[in-house]
Amino acid sequence: MACPTKVFPDRNHTDRLWGRTSNNGQTAQTADTLPAILRVVLNNGIEMPQLGVGTSTLKETAAECVKRAIGLGYRLVDAAQGYDNEAEVWYGIKESGIGRSEVFIISKVSPDAVRSGKVRESLDRTIEAFGGTYVDLMLIHWPVARKVKERWRIMEKYVDMGKIRAIGVSNFNPHHVDELLAYARIKPVVNQIKIHPYMEHQEVVGNTFAKGIQVQ
């Protein structure tokens, strides 16, 4: 099944967003004209692309959409256990023909894994779903009450083992971040939150940056 245009724009639209044109003024159609996507250096020294493709709404189209996004130049793919499409996302990455080290993969520990006490098992499944080697960035998807510390300790061990390159959080408010920093051995590199013109989250953004954590 093809990637729906409502999820990912057509090539001409994407080219107009990038401002790419050919010598005769027509929209360029070659992938090698894509501009480089800027990267941000996280607090552990790892570089992360500033622009990526999300997969929360993708199910049976996930592989095709991810393959297409990578073909257009995206080098960050954001997934999650709760999206139930990690294997499909990985298939799209493989089908793109790009090397594993060239794609920055993010996933998130689901609240269900936390409540069931199966965080380790869920991490192992995620790592296996993405090729069995490592995940670039693993986030705590939601700050489930009284469960954050346990999850963080487990994730730190996976960093120690080299199975996860960096760890962070998602949907954390300032007090959640402060509580985590009180016991964290490894500092979170990212707090992934929803931001748009009608939801600025200025307090969350300011507090996150003030702690040396990247807002995504």
N, C-alpha and C. Protein backbone atom coordinates (compact mmCIF):
# COMPACT_ATOMS: atom_id res chain seq x y z
N MET A 1 0.84 -1.19 0.00
CA MET A 1 0.00 0.00 0.00
C MET A 1 0.88 1.24 0.00
N ALA A 2 0.53 2.24 -0.79
CA ALA A 2 1.32 3.45 -0.89
C ALA A 2 1.14 4.33 0.34
N CYS A 3 2.15 5.16 0.58
CA CYS A 3 2.06 6.10 1.69
C CYS A 3 1.04 7.19 1.34
N PRO A 4 0.00 7.40 2.16
CA PRO A 4 -1.03 8.38 1.85
C PRO A 4 -0.49 9.80 1.90
N THR A 5 -0.96 10.66 0.99
CA THR A 5 -0.46 12.03 0.92
C THR A 5 -0.84 12.83 2.16
N LYS A 6 -1.90 12.47 2.85
CA LYS A 6 -2.26 13.23 4.04
C LYS A 6 -1.26 12.98 5.17
N VAL A 7 -0.52 11.87 5.09
CA VAL A 7 0.50 11.58 6.08
C VAL A 7 1.83 12.17 5.66
N PHE A 8 2.15 12.04 4.38
CA PHE A 8 3.42 12.55 3.87
C PHE A 8 3.17 13.23 2.54
N PRO A 9 3.63 14.47 2.36
CA PRO A 9 3.30 15.24 1.16
C PRO A 9 3.93 14.66 -0.09
N ASP A 10 3.37 15.03 -1.26
CA ASP A 10 3.94 14.57 -2.52
C ASP A 10 5.30 15.23 -2.74
N ARG A 11 6.08 14.65 -3.66
CA ARG A 11 7.44 15.11 -3.86
C ARG A 11 7.50 16.58 -4.28
N ASN A 12 6.59 17.01 -5.17
CA ASN A 12 6.62 18.40 -5.60
C ASN A 12 6.41 19.35 -4.44
N HIS A 13 5.46 19.00 -3.54
CA HIS A 13 5.19 19.83 -2.38
C HIS A 13 6.41 19.88 -1.48
N THR A 14 7.05 18.74 -1.26
CA THR A 14 8.24 18.70 -0.42
C THR A 14 9.36 19.53 -1.03
N ASP A 15 9.54 19.45 -2.34
CA ASP A 15 10.57 20.24 -3.00
C ASP A 15 10.31 21.74 -2.84
N ARG A 16 9.03 22.13 -2.88
CA ARG A 16 8.73 23.55 -2.70
C ARG A 16 9.04 23.99 -1.28
N LEU A 17 8.79 23.09 -0.30
CA LEU A 17 9.12 23.43 1.08
C LEU A 17 10.61 23.65 1.25
N TRP A 18 11.41 22.80 0.57
CA TRP A 18 12.87 22.93 0.66
C TRP A 18 13.39 24.07 -0.22
N GLY A 19 12.56 24.55 -1.17
CA GLY A 19 13.03 25.60 -2.06
C GLY A 19 13.94 25.09 -3.15
N ARG A 20 13.81 23.84 -3.56
CA ARG A 20 14.68 23.26 -4.57
C ARG A 20 14.08 23.47 -5.96
N THR A 21 14.85 24.03 -6.88
CA THR A 21 14.41 24.17 -8.26
C THR A 21 15.52 23.75 -9.19
N SER A 22 15.16 23.36 -10.40
CA SER A 22 16.14 22.99 -11.40
C SER A 22 16.58 24.23 -12.16
N ASN A 23 17.50 24.07 -13.11
CA ASN A 23 18.05 25.20 -13.85
C ASN A 23 17.00 25.94 -14.67
N ASN A 24 15.94 25.24 -15.09
CA ASN A 24 14.91 25.90 -15.90
C ASN A 24 13.76 26.44 -15.07
N GLY A 25 13.94 26.46 -13.74
CA GLY A 25 12.93 27.02 -12.86
C GLY A 25 11.87 26.05 -12.41
N GLN A 26 11.91 24.81 -12.93
CA GLN A 26 10.94 23.80 -12.53
C GLN A 26 11.41 23.13 -11.23
N THR A 27 10.46 22.53 -10.52
CA THR A 27 10.80 21.86 -9.27
C THR A 27 11.76 20.72 -9.52
N ALA A 28 12.83 20.66 -8.72
CA ALA A 28 13.82 19.60 -8.88
C ALA A 28 13.24 18.28 -8.45
N GLN A 29 13.64 17.20 -9.08
CA GLN A 29 13.10 15.88 -8.78
C GLN A 29 14.18 14.89 -8.34
N THR A 30 15.44 15.31 -8.24
CA THR A 30 16.51 14.38 -7.89
C THR A 30 16.81 14.44 -6.42
N ALA A 31 16.96 13.25 -5.81
CA ALA A 31 17.18 13.18 -4.36
C ALA A 31 18.51 13.79 -3.96
N ASP A 32 19.50 13.85 -4.89
CA ASP A 32 20.81 14.34 -4.49
C ASP A 32 20.85 15.86 -4.31
N THR A 33 19.73 16.55 -4.54
CA THR A 33 19.70 17.99 -4.31
C THR A 33 19.19 18.35 -2.92
N LEU A 34 18.88 17.35 -2.11
CA LEU A 34 18.39 17.62 -0.76
C LEU A 34 19.44 18.36 0.05
N PRO A 35 19.03 19.40 0.78
CA PRO A 35 19.98 20.08 1.66
C PRO A 35 20.26 19.23 2.89
N ALA A 36 21.40 19.46 3.51
CA ALA A 36 21.74 18.72 4.72
C ALA A 36 20.84 19.18 5.86
N ILE A 37 20.34 18.24 6.63
CA ILE A 37 19.52 18.56 7.80
C ILE A 37 20.44 18.87 8.97
N LEU A 38 20.22 20.00 9.62
CA LEU A 38 21.06 20.40 10.74
C LEU A 38 20.94 19.40 11.89
N ARG A 39 21.99 19.32 12.67
CA ARG A 39 22.02 18.41 13.82
C ARG A 39 22.26 19.19 15.10
N VAL A 40 21.76 18.67 16.19
CA VAL A 40 22.00 19.26 17.50
C VAL A 40 22.85 18.28 18.31
N VAL A 41 23.78 18.81 19.07
CA VAL A 41 24.63 17.97 19.92
C VAL A 41 23.96 17.82 21.28
N LEU A 42 23.64 16.60 21.66
CA LEU A 42 22.98 16.32 22.94
C LEU A 42 24.00 16.40 24.08
N ASN A 43 23.50 16.38 25.31
CA ASN A 43 24.40 16.58 26.45
C ASN A 43 25.35 15.42 26.72
N ASN A 44 25.22 14.33 25.97
CA ASN A 44 26.19 13.23 26.07
C ASN A 44 27.15 13.20 24.88
N GLY A 45 27.06 14.24 24.03
CA GLY A 45 27.97 14.35 22.91
C GLY A 45 27.48 13.75 21.62
N ILE A 46 26.35 13.04 21.64
CA ILE A 46 25.80 12.43 20.44
C ILE A 46 25.07 13.49 19.60
N GLU A 47 25.22 13.42 18.29
CA GLU A 47 24.52 14.33 17.40
C GLU A 47 23.18 13.74 16.96
N MET A 48 22.13 14.57 16.98
CA MET A 48 20.79 14.14 16.58
C MET A 48 20.25 15.09 15.52
N PRO A 49 19.71 14.54 14.42
CA PRO A 49 19.11 15.42 13.40
C PRO A 49 17.97 16.24 14.01
N GLN A 50 17.86 17.50 13.56
CA GLN A 50 16.82 18.37 14.09
C GLN A 50 15.46 18.16 13.42
N LEU A 51 15.45 17.47 12.31
CA LEU A 51 14.20 17.23 11.59
C LEU A 51 14.05 15.73 11.36
N GLY A 52 12.85 15.22 11.63
CA GLY A 52 12.63 13.79 11.47
C GLY A 52 11.21 13.49 11.04
N VAL A 53 10.94 12.21 10.87
CA VAL A 53 9.61 11.77 10.46
C VAL A 53 8.96 11.00 11.61
N GLY A 54 7.73 11.37 11.96
CA GLY A 54 7.00 10.67 13.00
C GLY A 54 6.19 9.52 12.43
N THR A 55 5.88 8.55 13.28
CA THR A 55 5.19 7.35 12.80
C THR A 55 3.95 7.01 13.64
N SER A 56 3.49 7.93 14.47
CA SER A 56 2.41 7.60 15.40
C SER A 56 1.10 7.25 14.69
N THR A 57 0.88 7.78 13.50
CA THR A 57 -0.38 7.51 12.79
C THR A 57 -0.23 6.42 11.73
N LEU A 58 0.96 5.83 11.63
CA LEU A 58 1.23 4.87 10.57
C LEU A 58 1.10 3.44 11.06
N LYS A 59 0.37 2.64 10.33
CA LYS A 59 0.23 1.22 10.64
C LYS A 59 0.72 0.41 9.44
N GLU A 60 -0.22 0.01 8.56
CA GLU A 60 0.18 -0.80 7.41
C GLU A 60 0.99 0.01 6.39
N THR A 61 0.96 1.33 6.48
CA THR A 61 1.74 2.16 5.56
C THR A 61 3.09 2.57 6.13
N ALA A 62 3.42 2.12 7.33
CA ALA A 62 4.63 2.59 8.00
C ALA A 62 5.89 2.34 7.18
N ALA A 63 6.05 1.13 6.66
CA ALA A 63 7.28 0.80 5.93
C ALA A 63 7.44 1.69 4.70
N GLU A 64 6.36 1.85 3.93
CA GLU A 64 6.44 2.65 2.72
C GLU A 64 6.70 4.12 3.04
N CYS A 65 6.04 4.65 4.07
CA CYS A 65 6.23 6.06 4.43
C CYS A 65 7.64 6.32 4.92
N VAL A 66 8.17 5.42 5.73
CA VAL A 66 9.53 5.60 6.25
C VAL A 66 10.54 5.50 5.13
N LYS A 67 10.36 4.53 4.25
CA LYS A 67 11.26 4.40 3.09
C LYS A 67 11.24 5.66 2.25
N ARG A 68 10.07 6.19 2.03
CA ARG A 68 9.93 7.40 1.22
C ARG A 68 10.57 8.60 1.92
N ALA A 69 10.38 8.72 3.23
CA ALA A 69 10.96 9.83 3.97
C ALA A 69 12.48 9.81 3.90
N ILE A 70 13.05 8.62 4.07
CA ILE A 70 14.51 8.50 4.00
C ILE A 70 14.99 8.84 2.59
N GLY A 71 14.24 8.43 1.58
CA GLY A 71 14.60 8.77 0.21
C GLY A 71 14.61 10.26 -0.05
N LEU A 72 13.77 11.00 0.70
CA LEU A 72 13.71 12.46 0.56
C LEU A 72 14.77 13.18 1.39
N GLY A 73 15.47 12.42 2.24
CA GLY A 73 16.55 13.03 3.00
C GLY A 73 16.41 13.04 4.50
N TYR A 74 15.28 12.57 5.03
CA TYR A 74 15.13 12.51 6.49
C TYR A 74 16.08 11.47 7.06
N ARG A 75 16.67 11.78 8.22
CA ARG A 75 17.62 10.87 8.84
C ARG A 75 17.29 10.59 10.31
N LEU A 76 16.10 11.00 10.75
CA LEU A 76 15.61 10.67 12.09
C LEU A 76 14.22 10.08 11.95
N VAL A 77 14.00 8.94 12.61
CA VAL A 77 12.69 8.29 12.60
C VAL A 77 12.23 8.11 14.04
N ASP A 78 11.05 8.63 14.33
CA ASP A 78 10.51 8.60 15.69
C ASP A 78 9.43 7.52 15.78
N ALA A 79 9.66 6.52 16.62
CA ALA A 79 8.72 5.41 16.79
C ALA A 79 8.38 5.27 18.28
N ALA A 80 7.63 4.24 18.61
CA ALA A 80 7.27 3.97 20.00
C ALA A 80 6.67 2.58 20.10
N GLN A 81 6.86 1.96 21.26
CA GLN A 81 6.24 0.66 21.48
C GLN A 81 4.73 0.75 21.35
N GLY A 82 4.17 1.84 21.85
CA GLY A 82 2.72 2.03 21.82
C GLY A 82 2.14 2.24 20.44
N TYR A 83 2.98 2.56 19.44
CA TYR A 83 2.49 2.74 18.08
C TYR A 83 2.27 1.40 17.39
N ASP A 84 2.85 0.34 17.96
CA ASP A 84 2.68 -1.02 17.45
C ASP A 84 3.09 -1.15 15.97
N ASN A 85 4.23 -0.54 15.64
CA ASN A 85 4.68 -0.62 14.25
C ASN A 85 6.21 -0.62 14.14
N GLU A 86 6.91 -0.96 15.20
CA GLU A 86 8.37 -0.89 15.17
C GLU A 86 8.97 -1.79 14.09
N ALA A 87 8.45 -2.99 13.95
CA ALA A 87 8.97 -3.90 12.92
C ALA A 87 8.74 -3.34 11.53
N GLU A 88 7.58 -2.74 11.29
CA GLU A 88 7.28 -2.15 9.99
C GLU A 88 8.19 -0.95 9.71
N VAL A 89 8.43 -0.15 10.74
CA VAL A 89 9.33 1.00 10.59
C VAL A 89 10.73 0.54 10.21
N TRP A 90 11.21 -0.51 10.88
CA TRP A 90 12.53 -1.04 10.57
C TRP A 90 12.60 -1.59 9.15
N TYR A 91 11.52 -2.23 8.71
CA TYR A 91 11.49 -2.75 7.35
C TYR A 91 11.64 -1.61 6.34
N GLY A 92 10.97 -0.50 6.61
CA GLY A 92 11.10 0.66 5.73
C GLY A 92 12.51 1.20 5.70
N ILE A 93 13.18 1.22 6.86
CA ILE A 93 14.57 1.68 6.92
C ILE A 93 15.46 0.76 6.09
N LYS A 94 15.28 -0.56 6.27
CA LYS A 94 16.10 -1.51 5.51
C LYS A 94 15.85 -1.38 4.01
N GLU A 95 14.58 -1.24 3.62
CA GLU A 95 14.24 -1.15 2.21
C GLU A 95 14.76 0.13 1.56
N SER A 96 15.06 1.14 2.37
CA SER A 96 15.57 2.40 1.82
C SER A 96 16.98 2.24 1.27
N GLY A 97 17.68 1.20 1.74
CA GLY A 97 19.04 0.94 1.28
C GLY A 97 20.11 1.73 2.00
N ILE A 98 19.73 2.52 2.98
CA ILE A 98 20.69 3.33 3.71
C ILE A 98 21.31 2.52 4.85
N GLY A 99 22.53 2.84 5.23
CA GLY A 99 23.19 2.14 6.32
C GLY A 99 22.57 2.44 7.67
N ARG A 100 22.59 1.48 8.57
CA ARG A 100 21.99 1.67 9.89
C ARG A 100 22.55 2.88 10.62
N SER A 101 23.85 3.11 10.54
CA SER A 101 24.48 4.21 11.28
C SER A 101 24.06 5.58 10.76
N GLU A 102 23.44 5.62 9.59
CA GLU A 102 23.05 6.90 9.01
C GLU A 102 21.64 7.34 9.43
N VAL A 103 20.92 6.47 10.13
CA VAL A 103 19.57 6.80 10.58
C VAL A 103 19.52 6.84 12.10
N PHE A 104 18.96 7.90 12.65
CA PHE A 104 18.82 8.06 14.09
C PHE A 104 17.43 7.56 14.48
N ILE A 105 17.38 6.45 15.23
CA ILE A 105 16.11 5.82 15.59
C ILE A 105 15.74 6.14 17.04
N ILE A 106 14.53 6.65 17.22
CA ILE A 106 13.98 6.92 18.55
C ILE A 106 12.80 5.99 18.78
N SER A 107 12.73 5.42 20.00
CA SER A 107 11.52 4.70 20.40
C SER A 107 11.23 5.04 21.86
N LYS A 108 10.12 4.54 22.35
CA LYS A 108 9.66 4.92 23.69
C LYS A 108 9.09 3.71 24.43
N VAL A 109 9.40 3.64 25.73
CA VAL A 109 8.85 2.59 26.58
C VAL A 109 7.39 2.89 26.87
N SER A 110 6.52 1.93 26.60
CA SER A 110 5.08 2.17 26.75
C SER A 110 4.65 2.08 28.22
N PRO A 111 3.61 2.82 28.59
CA PRO A 111 3.07 2.71 29.95
C PRO A 111 2.62 1.29 30.28
N ASP A 112 2.13 0.55 29.31
CA ASP A 112 1.69 -0.83 29.55
C ASP A 112 2.84 -1.71 30.02
N ALA A 113 4.02 -1.51 29.42
CA ALA A 113 5.20 -2.29 29.83
C ALA A 113 5.58 -1.97 31.26
N VAL A 114 5.39 -0.73 31.64
CA VAL A 114 5.71 -0.30 33.00
C VAL A 114 4.74 -0.91 34.01
N ARG A 115 3.46 -0.79 33.71
CA ARG A 115 2.45 -1.28 34.65
C ARG A 115 2.50 -2.80 34.82
N SER A 116 2.94 -3.49 33.77
CA SER A 116 3.02 -4.95 33.84
C SER A 116 4.36 -5.44 34.39
N GLY A 117 5.27 -4.51 34.65
CA GLY A 117 6.57 -4.89 35.17
C GLY A 117 7.46 -5.58 34.16
N LYS A 118 7.26 -5.28 32.88
CA LYS A 118 8.03 -5.96 31.82
C LYS A 118 8.81 -4.96 30.97
N VAL A 119 9.48 -4.03 31.65
CA VAL A 119 10.25 -3.02 30.94
C VAL A 119 11.43 -3.65 30.20
N ARG A 120 12.15 -4.54 30.87
CA ARG A 120 13.31 -5.19 30.22
C ARG A 120 12.88 -5.97 28.99
N GLU A 121 11.82 -6.72 29.12
CA GLU A 121 11.33 -7.50 27.98
C GLU A 121 10.92 -6.58 26.83
N SER A 122 10.32 -5.45 27.16
CA SER A 122 9.89 -4.53 26.11
C SER A 122 11.09 -3.89 25.42
N LEU A 123 12.13 -3.58 26.18
CA LEU A 123 13.35 -3.02 25.58
C LEU A 123 14.01 -4.03 24.66
N ASP A 124 14.06 -5.28 25.12
CA ASP A 124 14.66 -6.33 24.28
C ASP A 124 13.89 -6.49 22.97
N ARG A 125 12.57 -6.43 23.04
CA ARG A 125 11.76 -6.56 21.82
C ARG A 125 11.99 -5.38 20.88
N THR A 126 12.10 -4.19 21.45
CA THR A 126 12.33 -3.01 20.62
C THR A 126 13.69 -3.10 19.92
N ILE A 127 14.71 -3.46 20.67
CA ILE A 127 16.05 -3.59 20.08
C ILE A 127 16.06 -4.64 18.99
N GLU A 128 15.39 -5.75 19.24
CA GLU A 128 15.31 -6.82 18.24
C GLU A 128 14.54 -6.34 17.01
N ALA A 129 13.47 -5.60 17.23
CA ALA A 129 12.65 -5.10 16.11
C ALA A 129 13.45 -4.18 15.20
N PHE A 130 14.43 -3.47 15.78
CA PHE A 130 15.25 -2.55 15.00
C PHE A 130 16.61 -3.14 14.65
N GLY A 131 16.62 -4.41 14.36
CA GLY A 131 17.81 -5.03 13.83
C GLY A 131 18.67 -5.80 14.81
N GLY A 132 18.34 -5.72 16.11
CA GLY A 132 19.03 -6.54 17.10
C GLY A 132 20.35 -5.99 17.60
N THR A 133 20.71 -4.75 17.22
CA THR A 133 21.99 -4.20 17.67
C THR A 133 21.81 -3.11 18.72
N TYR A 134 21.20 -1.99 18.35
CA TYR A 134 21.03 -0.90 19.30
C TYR A 134 19.92 0.03 18.83
N VAL A 135 19.46 0.87 19.76
CA VAL A 135 18.55 1.97 19.46
C VAL A 135 19.28 3.25 19.83
N ASP A 136 19.15 4.27 19.01
CA ASP A 136 19.88 5.51 19.26
C ASP A 136 19.37 6.24 20.50
N LEU A 137 18.06 6.36 20.64
CA LEU A 137 17.49 7.10 21.75
C LEU A 137 16.21 6.41 22.22
N MET A 138 16.16 6.10 23.50
CA MET A 138 14.98 5.48 24.10
C MET A 138 14.40 6.44 25.12
N LEU A 139 13.10 6.68 25.02
CA LEU A 139 12.43 7.62 25.91
C LEU A 139 11.43 6.91 26.81
N ILE A 140 11.20 7.49 27.98
CA ILE A 140 10.04 7.11 28.79
C ILE A 140 8.85 7.87 28.21
N HIS A 141 7.86 7.14 27.70
CA HIS A 141 6.78 7.79 26.94
C HIS A 141 5.93 8.69 27.82
N TRP A 142 5.59 8.23 29.01
CA TRP A 142 4.77 9.01 29.94
C TRP A 142 5.29 8.80 31.36
N PRO A 143 5.22 9.82 32.20
CA PRO A 143 5.69 9.69 33.59
C PRO A 143 4.66 9.00 34.48
N VAL A 144 4.55 7.68 34.35
CA VAL A 144 3.62 6.92 35.18
C VAL A 144 4.02 7.06 36.65
N ALA A 145 3.07 7.42 37.48
CA ALA A 145 3.34 7.71 38.89
C ALA A 145 4.06 6.56 39.59
N ARG A 146 5.10 6.90 40.32
CA ARG A 146 5.88 5.98 41.16
C ARG A 146 6.59 4.88 40.37
N LYS A 147 6.71 5.05 39.07
CA LYS A 147 7.36 4.03 38.24
C LYS A 147 8.55 4.57 37.45
N VAL A 148 8.78 5.87 37.51
CA VAL A 148 9.83 6.47 36.69
C VAL A 148 11.22 6.01 37.12
N LYS A 149 11.48 6.01 38.42
CA LYS A 149 12.81 5.65 38.90
C LYS A 149 13.20 4.23 38.49
N GLU A 150 12.29 3.31 38.64
CA GLU A 150 12.55 1.92 38.27
C GLU A 150 12.88 1.81 36.79
N ARG A 151 12.10 2.47 35.95
CA ARG A 151 12.34 2.45 34.50
C ARG A 151 13.69 3.06 34.16
N TRP A 152 14.00 4.17 34.82
CA TRP A 152 15.24 4.87 34.50
C TRP A 152 16.47 4.03 34.84
N ARG A 153 16.42 3.36 35.97
CA ARG A 153 17.53 2.49 36.37
C ARG A 153 17.75 1.38 35.33
N ILE A 154 16.68 0.81 34.84
CA ILE A 154 16.79 -0.25 33.83
C ILE A 154 17.38 0.31 32.54
N MET A 155 16.88 1.46 32.12
CA MET A 155 17.38 2.07 30.89
C MET A 155 18.85 2.46 31.00
N GLU A 156 19.26 2.91 32.16
CA GLU A 156 20.69 3.22 32.37
C GLU A 156 21.56 1.98 32.15
N LYS A 157 21.08 0.83 32.61
CA LYS A 157 21.84 -0.41 32.43
C LYS A 157 21.97 -0.77 30.96
N TYR A 158 20.93 -0.49 30.17
CA TYR A 158 20.99 -0.77 28.74
C TYR A 158 21.97 0.16 28.04
N VAL A 159 22.10 1.38 28.54
CA VAL A 159 23.14 2.27 28.02
C VAL A 159 24.51 1.71 28.34
N ASP A 160 24.70 1.23 29.57
CA ASP A 160 25.97 0.63 29.98
C ASP A 160 26.34 -0.55 29.09
N MET A 161 25.33 -1.32 28.67
CA MET A 161 25.57 -2.50 27.84
C MET A 161 25.77 -2.17 26.36
N GLY A 162 25.57 -0.90 25.99
CA GLY A 162 25.73 -0.49 24.61
C GLY A 162 24.54 -0.79 23.72
N LYS A 163 23.42 -1.15 24.33
CA LYS A 163 22.23 -1.47 23.54
C LYS A 163 21.38 -0.24 23.25
N ILE A 164 21.57 0.82 24.02
CA ILE A 164 20.90 2.09 23.81
C ILE A 164 21.98 3.18 23.90
N ARG A 165 22.01 4.09 22.93
CA ARG A 165 23.05 5.11 22.91
C ARG A 165 22.72 6.29 23.84
N ALA A 166 21.44 6.59 24.00
CA ALA A 166 21.04 7.73 24.82
C ALA A 166 19.63 7.48 25.34
N ILE A 167 19.31 8.10 26.48
CA ILE A 167 17.98 7.94 27.07
C ILE A 167 17.40 9.32 27.41
N GLY A 168 16.07 9.37 27.36
CA GLY A 168 15.41 10.63 27.64
C GLY A 168 13.97 10.40 28.07
N VAL A 169 13.19 11.46 28.03
CA VAL A 169 11.82 11.40 28.51
C VAL A 169 10.87 12.04 27.50
N SER A 170 9.59 11.82 27.72
CA SER A 170 8.57 12.39 26.86
C SER A 170 7.37 12.78 27.72
N ASN A 171 6.80 13.93 27.42
CA ASN A 171 5.62 14.43 28.15
C ASN A 171 5.89 14.68 29.63
N PHE A 172 7.10 15.06 29.97
CA PHE A 172 7.46 15.35 31.35
C PHE A 172 7.29 16.83 31.65
N ASN A 173 6.62 17.14 32.75
CA ASN A 173 6.51 18.51 33.25
C ASN A 173 7.73 18.85 34.09
N PRO A 174 7.93 20.14 34.44
CA PRO A 174 9.13 20.52 35.19
C PRO A 174 9.36 19.71 36.47
N HIS A 175 8.31 19.43 37.24
CA HIS A 175 8.53 18.69 38.48
C HIS A 175 8.93 17.25 38.21
N HIS A 176 8.45 16.67 37.11
CA HIS A 176 8.87 15.32 36.75
C HIS A 176 10.37 15.29 36.44
N VAL A 177 10.82 16.29 35.68
CA VAL A 177 12.24 16.38 35.32
C VAL A 177 13.10 16.56 36.56
N ASP A 178 12.66 17.46 37.44
CA ASP A 178 13.44 17.72 38.66
C ASP A 178 13.55 16.47 39.54
N GLU A 179 12.46 15.74 39.67
CA GLU A 179 12.48 14.51 40.46
C GLU A 179 13.44 13.49 39.86
N LEU A 180 13.43 13.37 38.54
CA LEU A 180 14.31 12.42 37.86
C LEU A 180 15.78 12.79 38.05
N LEU A 181 16.09 14.06 37.91
CA LEU A 181 17.48 14.50 38.04
C LEU A 181 18.04 14.27 39.44
N ALA A 182 17.17 14.15 40.43
CA ALA A 182 17.62 13.95 41.81
C ALA A 182 18.30 12.59 42.00
N TYR A 183 17.97 11.61 41.16
CA TYR A 183 18.56 10.27 41.33
C TYR A 183 19.20 9.72 40.06
N ALA A 184 19.06 10.41 38.94
CA ALA A 184 19.57 9.88 37.68
C ALA A 184 21.10 9.82 37.68
N ARG A 185 21.64 8.67 37.32
CA ARG A 185 23.09 8.53 37.13
C ARG A 185 23.46 9.02 35.73
N ILE A 186 22.57 8.77 34.76
CA ILE A 186 22.74 9.26 33.41
C ILE A 186 21.66 10.31 33.16
N LYS A 187 22.07 11.49 32.79
CA LYS A 187 21.14 12.59 32.58
C LYS A 187 20.33 12.38 31.31
N PRO A 188 19.02 12.67 31.33
CA PRO A 188 18.24 12.58 30.11
C PRO A 188 18.74 13.59 29.07
N VAL A 189 18.76 13.17 27.81
CA VAL A 189 19.26 14.06 26.75
C VAL A 189 18.14 14.84 26.09
N VAL A 190 16.90 14.33 26.20
CA VAL A 190 15.77 14.92 25.48
C VAL A 190 14.51 14.87 26.34
N ASN A 191 13.67 15.89 26.22
CA ASN A 191 12.29 15.84 26.69
C ASN A 191 11.42 16.12 25.47
N GLN A 192 10.75 15.08 24.98
CA GLN A 192 9.93 15.20 23.78
C GLN A 192 8.51 15.60 24.18
N ILE A 193 8.08 16.77 23.73
CA ILE A 193 6.75 17.27 24.09
C ILE A 193 6.05 17.84 22.86
N LYS A 194 4.74 17.96 22.96
CA LYS A 194 3.97 18.55 21.86
C LYS A 194 4.04 20.07 21.96
N ILE A 195 4.49 20.71 20.87
CA ILE A 195 4.57 22.17 20.82
C ILE A 195 4.01 22.64 19.48
N HIS A 196 3.13 23.63 19.53
CA HIS A 196 2.65 24.29 18.32
C HIS A 196 2.13 25.67 18.72
N PRO A 197 1.73 26.51 17.79
CA PRO A 197 1.35 27.88 18.12
C PRO A 197 0.26 28.01 19.18
N TYR A 198 -0.58 26.99 19.32
CA TYR A 198 -1.66 27.05 20.31
C TYR A 198 -1.31 26.28 21.58
N MET A 199 -0.12 25.72 21.64
CA MET A 199 0.33 24.98 22.82
C MET A 199 1.84 25.19 22.95
N GLU A 200 2.22 26.32 23.52
CA GLU A 200 3.63 26.71 23.54
C GLU A 200 4.44 26.05 24.64
N HIS A 201 3.79 25.72 25.75
CA HIS A 201 4.48 25.07 26.87
C HIS A 201 5.75 25.82 27.27
N GLN A 202 5.64 27.12 27.43
CA GLN A 202 6.82 27.94 27.69
C GLN A 202 7.54 27.54 28.98
N GLU A 203 6.78 27.22 30.03
CA GLU A 203 7.41 26.83 31.29
C GLU A 203 8.18 25.53 31.14
N VAL A 204 7.57 24.55 30.47
CA VAL A 204 8.22 23.26 30.27
C VAL A 204 9.48 23.43 29.42
N VAL A 205 9.36 24.18 28.32
CA VAL A 205 10.50 24.39 27.43
C VAL A 205 11.63 25.10 28.17
N GLY A 206 11.30 26.17 28.88
CA GLY A 206 12.33 26.92 29.60
C GLY A 206 13.03 26.09 30.66
N ASN A 207 12.25 25.34 31.44
CA ASN A 207 12.83 24.51 32.49
C ASN A 207 13.71 23.41 31.90
N THR A 208 13.26 22.83 30.78
CA THR A 208 14.01 21.74 30.16
C THR A 208 15.36 22.25 29.65
N PHE A 209 15.36 23.34 28.91
CA PHE A 209 16.62 23.89 28.40
C PHE A 209 17.53 24.34 29.54
N ALA A 210 16.94 24.89 30.60
CA ALA A 210 17.74 25.36 31.74
C ALA A 210 18.49 24.21 32.41
N LYS A 211 17.96 23.00 32.31
CA LYS A 211 18.61 21.83 32.90
C LYS A 211 19.59 21.17 31.95
N GLY A 212 19.81 21.77 30.78
CA GLY A 212 20.75 21.20 29.82
C GLY A 212 20.19 20.03 29.05
N ILE A 213 18.86 19.97 28.93
CA ILE A 213 18.17 18.88 28.23
C ILE A 213 17.54 19.47 26.96
N GLN A 214 17.68 18.77 25.86
CA GLN A 214 17.15 19.23 24.58
C GLN A 214 15.64 19.05 24.52
N VAL A 215 14.91 20.06 24.06
CA VAL A 215 13.48 19.94 23.80
C VAL A 215 13.30 19.45 22.38
N GLN A 216 12.44 18.46 22.23
CA GLN A 216 12.15 17.94 20.89
C GLN A 216 10.66 17.99 20.63
